[in-house]
C-alpha atoms as a PDB file:
ATOM      1  CA  UNK A   1       0.000   0.000   0.000  1.00  0.00           C
ATOM      2  CA  UNK A   2       1.305   3.430  -0.992  1.00  0.00           C
ATOM      3  CA  UNK A   3      -0.119   6.798  -0.052  1.00  0.00           C
ATOM      4  CA  UNK A   4       0.298   9.425  -2.811  1.00  0.00           C
ATOM      5  CA  UNK A   5       0.270  13.226  -2.585  1.00  0.00           C
ATOM      6  CA  UNK A   6      -0.583  14.902  -5.894  1.00  0.00           C
ATOM      7  CA  UNK A   7      -0.496  18.505  -7.034  1.00  0.00           C
ATOM      8  CA  UNK A   8       0.114  20.649 -10.099  1.00  0.00           C
ATOM      9  CA  UNK A   9       0.417  24.182 -11.398  1.00  0.00           C
ATOM     10  CA  UNK A  10       2.290  25.865  -8.576  1.00  0.00           C
ATOM     11  CA  UNK A  11       3.549  28.524 -11.010  1.00  0.00           C
ATOM     12  CA  UNK A  12       6.468  29.313  -8.667  1.00  0.00           C
ATOM     13  CA  UNK A  13       4.241  29.544  -5.566  1.00  0.00           C
ATOM     14  CA  UNK A  14       5.402  27.691  -2.457  1.00  0.00           C
ATOM     15  CA  UNK A  15       3.088  26.945   0.457  1.00  0.00           C
ATOM     16  CA  UNK A  16       4.470  25.164   3.539  1.00  0.00           C
ATOM     17  CA  UNK A  17       1.161  23.306   3.780  1.00  0.00           C
ATOM     18  CA  UNK A  18       2.205  21.188   0.793  1.00  0.00           C
ATOM     19  CA  UNK A  19       4.599  19.335   3.064  1.00  0.00           C
ATOM     20  CA  UNK A  20       2.136  19.310   5.939  1.00  0.00           C
ATOM     21  CA  UNK A  21      -0.565  17.611   3.876  1.00  0.00           C
ATOM     22  CA  UNK A  22       1.909  15.236   2.224  1.00  0.00           C
ATOM     23  CA  UNK A  23       3.743  14.311   5.441  1.00  0.00           C
ATOM     24  CA  UNK A  24       2.091  10.883   5.658  1.00  0.00           C
ATOM     25  CA  UNK A  25       2.479  10.187   1.919  1.00  0.00           C
ATOM     26  CA  UNK A  26       5.023   7.714   0.580  1.00  0.00           C
ATOM     27  CA  UNK A  27       5.376   9.528  -2.746  1.00  0.00           C
ATOM     28  CA  UNK A  28       4.739  13.047  -4.021  1.00  0.00           C
ATOM     29  CA  UNK A  29       3.663  13.573  -7.625  1.00  0.00           C
ATOM     30  CA  UNK A  30       3.834  16.978  -9.304  1.00  0.00           C
ATOM     31  CA  UNK A  31       2.060  17.231 -12.666  1.00  0.00           C
ATOM     32  CA  UNK A  32       3.874  20.184 -14.230  1.00  0.00           C
ATOM     33  CA  UNK A  33       3.921  23.970 -14.425  1.00  0.00           C
ATOM     34  CA  UNK A  34       6.164  24.233 -11.395  1.00  0.00           C
ATOM     35  CA  UNK A  35       8.062  27.177 -12.985  1.00  0.00           C
ATOM     36  CA  UNK A  36      10.558  27.471 -10.102  1.00  0.00           C
ATOM     37  CA  UNK A  37      12.893  24.491  -9.752  1.00  0.00           C
ATOM     38  CA  UNK A  38      13.548  25.267  -6.087  1.00  0.00           C
ATOM     39  CA  UNK A  39      10.084  23.798  -5.417  1.00  0.00           C
ATOM     40  CA  UNK A  40      11.290  20.485  -6.854  1.00  0.00           C
ATOM     41  CA  UNK A  41      14.445  20.739  -4.756  1.00  0.00           C
ATOM     42  CA  UNK A  42      12.364  21.244  -1.594  1.00  0.00           C
ATOM     43  CA  UNK A  43      10.223  18.218  -2.403  1.00  0.00           C
ATOM     44  CA  UNK A  44      13.202  16.019  -3.196  1.00  0.00           C
ATOM     45  CA  UNK A  45      14.880  17.112   0.058  1.00  0.00           C
ATOM     46  CA  UNK A  46      12.078  15.360   1.974  1.00  0.00           C
ATOM     47  CA  UNK A  47      13.607  12.012   1.006  1.00  0.00           C
ATOM     48  CA  UNK A  48      10.293  10.836  -0.417  1.00  0.00           C
ATOM     49  CA  UNK A  49      10.036   9.494  -3.937  1.00  0.00           C
ATOM     50  CA  UNK A  50       9.054  12.465  -6.122  1.00  0.00           C
ATOM     51  CA  UNK A  51       7.622  11.933  -9.592  1.00  0.00           C
ATOM     52  CA  UNK A  52       7.630  15.161 -11.558  1.00  0.00           C
ATOM     53  CA  UNK A  53       6.762  15.997 -15.171  1.00  0.00           C
ATOM     54  CA  UNK A  54       7.336  19.302 -16.895  1.00  0.00           C
ATOM     55  CA  UNK A  55       4.555  21.542 -18.110  1.00  0.00           C
ATOM     56  CA  UNK A  56       4.177  24.129 -20.831  1.00  0.00           C
ATOM     57  CA  UNK A  57       5.155  27.025 -18.512  1.00  0.00           C
ATOM     58  CA  UNK A  58       8.278  25.308 -17.168  1.00  0.00           C
ATOM     59  CA  UNK A  59      11.736  26.547 -18.164  1.00  0.00           C
ATOM     60  CA  UNK A  60      14.058  24.608 -20.457  1.00  0.00           C
ATOM     61  CA  UNK A  61      16.180  23.519 -17.483  1.00  0.00           C
ATOM     62  CA  UNK A  62      13.202  21.617 -16.073  1.00  0.00           C
ATOM     63  CA  UNK A  63      12.649  19.929 -19.436  1.00  0.00           C
ATOM     64  CA  UNK A  64      16.202  18.639 -19.185  1.00  0.00           C
ATOM     65  CA  UNK A  65      15.721  17.476 -15.597  1.00  0.00           C
ATOM     66  CA  UNK A  66      12.252  15.862 -15.827  1.00  0.00           C
ATOM     67  CA  UNK A  67      10.313  14.008 -18.521  1.00  0.00           C
ATOM     68  CA  UNK A  68       7.171  15.172 -20.300  1.00  0.00           C
ATOM     69  CA  UNK A  69       5.512  11.805 -19.624  1.00  0.00           C
ATOM     70  CA  UNK A  70       5.955   9.244 -16.899  1.00  0.00           C
ATOM     71  CA  UNK A  71       4.511   5.754 -17.282  1.00  0.00           C
ATOM     72  CA  UNK A  72       4.985   3.336 -14.428  1.00  0.00           C
ATOM     73  CA  UNK A  73       3.212   0.700 -12.355  1.00  0.00           C
ATOM     74  CA  UNK A  74       2.914   0.862  -8.569  1.00  0.00           C
ATOM     75  CA  UNK A  75       0.999  -1.501  -6.329  1.00  0.00           C
ATOM     76  CA  UNK A  76      -0.498  -3.157  -9.417  1.00  0.00           C
ATOM     77  CA  UNK A  77      -1.832   0.160 -10.798  1.00  0.00           C
ATOM     78  CA  UNK A  78      -0.570   1.326 -14.195  1.00  0.00           C
ATOM     79  CA  UNK A  79      -0.111   5.100 -14.242  1.00  0.00           C
ATOM     80  CA  UNK A  80       0.474   7.678 -16.955  1.00  0.00           C
ATOM     81  CA  UNK A  81       1.332  11.181 -15.773  1.00  0.00           C
ATOM     82  CA  UNK A  82       1.784  14.250 -18.005  1.00  0.00           C
ATOM     83  CA  UNK A  83       0.932  17.935 -17.715  1.00  0.00           C
ATOM     84  CA  UNK A  84      -1.444  18.531 -20.636  1.00  0.00           C
ATOM     85  CA  UNK A  85      -3.958  15.746 -20.827  1.00  0.00           C
ATOM     86  CA  UNK A  86      -7.639  16.363 -21.174  1.00  0.00           C
ATOM     87  CA  UNK A  87     -10.465  14.276 -19.785  1.00  0.00           C
ATOM     88  CA  UNK A  88     -13.177  11.854 -20.894  1.00  0.00           C
ATOM     89  CA  UNK A  89     -15.033  13.227 -23.898  1.00  0.00           C
ATOM     90  CA  UNK A  90     -12.444  15.998 -24.346  1.00  0.00           C
ATOM     91  CA  UNK A  91      -9.249  14.125 -25.150  1.00  0.00           C
ATOM     92  CA  UNK A  92      -6.850  15.655 -27.693  1.00  0.00           C
ATOM     93  CA  UNK A  93      -6.971  13.335 -30.724  1.00  0.00           C
ATOM     94  CA  UNK A  94      -3.276  12.324 -30.736  1.00  0.00           C
ATOM     95  CA  UNK A  95      -3.284  11.639 -26.998  1.00  0.00           C
ATOM     96  CA  UNK A  96      -6.484   9.606 -27.208  1.00  0.00           C
ATOM     97  CA  UNK A  97      -5.018   7.358 -29.901  1.00  0.00           C
ATOM     98  CA  UNK A  98      -2.037   6.725 -27.599  1.00  0.00           C
ATOM     99  CA  UNK A  99      -4.337   6.065 -24.639  1.00  0.00           C
ATOM    100  CA  UNK A 100      -6.266   3.510 -26.701  1.00  0.00           C
ATOM    101  CA  UNK A 101      -3.082   1.547 -27.429  1.00  0.00           C
ATOM    102  CA  UNK A 102      -2.322   0.915 -23.781  1.00  0.00           C
ATOM    103  CA  UNK A 103      -4.817   2.527 -21.403  1.00  0.00           C
ATOM    104  CA  UNK A 104      -3.502   3.081 -17.892  1.00  0.00           C
ATOM    105  CA  UNK A 105      -5.658   2.410 -14.849  1.00  0.00           C
ATOM    106  CA  UNK A 106      -4.819   5.945 -13.687  1.00  0.00           C
ATOM    107  CA  UNK A 107      -4.179   8.994 -15.881  1.00  0.00           C
ATOM    108  CA  UNK A 108      -2.845  12.066 -14.059  1.00  0.00           C
ATOM    109  CA  UNK A 109      -2.604  15.538 -15.588  1.00  0.00           C
ATOM    110  CA  UNK A 110      -2.705  19.221 -14.698  1.00  0.00           C
ATOM    111  CA  UNK A 111      -2.810  22.324 -16.898  1.00  0.00           C
ATOM    112  CA  UNK A 112      -6.503  23.288 -16.681  1.00  0.00           C
ATOM    113  CA  UNK A 113      -6.328  24.536 -13.062  1.00  0.00           C
ATOM    114  CA  UNK A 114      -9.664  22.700 -12.623  1.00  0.00           C
ATOM    115  CA  UNK A 115      -9.776  19.983  -9.983  1.00  0.00           C
ATOM    116  CA  UNK A 116     -11.376  16.860 -11.488  1.00  0.00           C
ATOM    117  CA  UNK A 117     -11.721  13.176 -10.770  1.00  0.00           C
ATOM    118  CA  UNK A 118     -13.497  11.399 -13.625  1.00  0.00           C
ATOM    119  CA  UNK A 119     -13.748   7.851 -14.893  1.00  0.00           C
ATOM    120  CA  UNK A 120     -13.436   7.132 -18.600  1.00  0.00           C
ATOM    121  CA  UNK A 121     -15.682   4.121 -19.186  1.00  0.00           C
ATOM    122  CA  UNK A 122     -14.299   3.523 -22.699  1.00  0.00           C
ATOM    123  CA  UNK A 123     -10.709   3.305 -21.458  1.00  0.00           C
ATOM    124  CA  UNK A 124     -11.515   1.929 -17.980  1.00  0.00           C
ATOM    125  CA  UNK A 125      -9.252   4.695 -16.679  1.00  0.00           C
ATOM    126  CA  UNK A 126      -9.551   6.986 -13.677  1.00  0.00           C
ATOM    127  CA  UNK A 127      -8.509  10.533 -14.612  1.00  0.00           C
ATOM    128  CA  UNK A 128      -7.190  12.828 -11.883  1.00  0.00           C
ATOM    129  CA  UNK A 129      -6.384  16.501 -12.256  1.00  0.00           C
ATOM    130  CA  UNK A 130      -5.504  18.042  -8.880  1.00  0.00           C
ATOM    131  CA  UNK A 131      -6.323  21.586 -10.031  1.00  0.00           C
ATOM    132  CA  UNK A 132      -3.826  24.309  -9.193  1.00  0.00           C
ATOM    133  CA  UNK A 133      -1.783  24.576  -6.015  1.00  0.00           C
ATOM    134  CA  UNK A 134      -0.415  28.024  -6.840  1.00  0.00           C
ATOM    135  CA  UNK A 135      -1.928  31.481  -6.955  1.00  0.00           C
ATOM    136  CA  UNK A 136      -1.505  32.151 -10.695  1.00  0.00           C
ATOM    137  CA  UNK A 137      -4.575  31.480 -12.844  1.00  0.00           C
ATOM    138  CA  UNK A 138      -8.331  31.598 -12.778  1.00  0.00           C
ATOM    139  CA  UNK A 139      -8.904  29.086  -9.948  1.00  0.00           C
ATOM    140  CA  UNK A 140     -10.811  30.419  -6.976  1.00  0.00           C
ATOM    141  CA  UNK A 141      -9.621  27.683  -4.621  1.00  0.00           C
ATOM    142  CA  UNK A 142      -6.157  26.126  -4.652  1.00  0.00           C
ATOM    143  CA  UNK A 143      -6.259  22.336  -4.387  1.00  0.00           C
ATOM    144  CA  UNK A 144      -4.174  19.223  -3.707  1.00  0.00           C
ATOM    145  CA  UNK A 145      -5.107  15.535  -3.798  1.00  0.00           C
ATOM    146  CA  UNK A 146      -4.174  12.498  -1.751  1.00  0.00           C
ATOM    147  CA  UNK A 147      -5.043   8.885  -2.483  1.00  0.00           C
ATOM    148  CA  UNK A 148      -3.902   5.322  -1.896  1.00  0.00           C
ATOM    149  CA  UNK A 149      -2.687   2.668  -4.317  1.00  0.00           C
ATOM    150  CA  UNK A 150      -3.228  -0.802  -2.898  1.00  0.00           C
ATOM    151  CA  UNK A 151      -3.020  -4.130  -4.722  1.00  0.00           C
ATOM    152  CA  UNK A 152      -4.483  -2.916  -8.004  1.00  0.00           C
ATOM    153  CA  UNK A 153      -6.928  -0.464  -6.421  1.00  0.00           C
ATOM    154  CA  UNK A 154      -7.048   3.334  -6.305  1.00  0.00           C
ATOM    155  CA  UNK A 155      -8.853   4.374  -3.144  1.00  0.00           C
ATOM    156  CA  UNK A 156      -9.250   6.897  -0.337  1.00  0.00           C
ATOM    157  CA  UNK A 157      -9.182   9.879  -2.721  1.00  0.00           C
ATOM    158  CA  UNK A 158      -9.191  13.222  -0.924  1.00  0.00           C
ATOM    159  CA  UNK A 159      -9.305  16.757  -2.301  1.00  0.00           C
ATOM    160  CA  UNK A 160      -7.651  19.295  -0.031  1.00  0.00           C
ATOM    161  CA  UNK A 161      -8.651  22.932  -0.406  1.00  0.00           C
ATOM    162  CA  UNK A 162      -6.074  25.573   0.468  1.00  0.00           C
ATOM    163  CA  UNK A 163      -7.778  28.829   1.439  1.00  0.00           C
END
C-alpha cells in the first residue's frame, strides 16, 4: 500500500502546507507547471520518492531534468502522468489514440487549473487533475489531492482545499 500526494500548477508559488498535507504520503507527484525548480528541490529534500513531469510554462532547465511523460506501475496500478492531458469526452486526438493503445488504470494531468476526478468508461481509466496549487490562474480555490494505491486499487481519494 502506498499513499500518494498529488499537485500541479504551482507557477512558482510555495506553500508550507504542501509538506504538511503530504507528510504521511510515501510519494509526491507533481504534474507540471512548477516554474521554479527550487520547489522540486524542496520536495526532493524530503527524502520521499518524487515523480515530476514538466509543463508548458516550465523553463528549459526543467525539461532537461524531468520528462514530459511518466509511465509506471505501482501496487499493481498502471499510471500515466503528463501535464497537458484532457479528460473523458475531451481528449486531444493524438493523446487519445495513444491512450487507446495501452490505457492506464490511472491517468494524471494538470494544466486546466480545474480539480477533477473522472472515470473514462471507454478506457476503464480513472482521470485525476488536482487543479492548481499556486496562486496564478483563474482558480478560486487552490487544491491538492491524496489517495492510496493498494493491490491494483485506487482508493481513499481526498481533495484538499487551500484557502
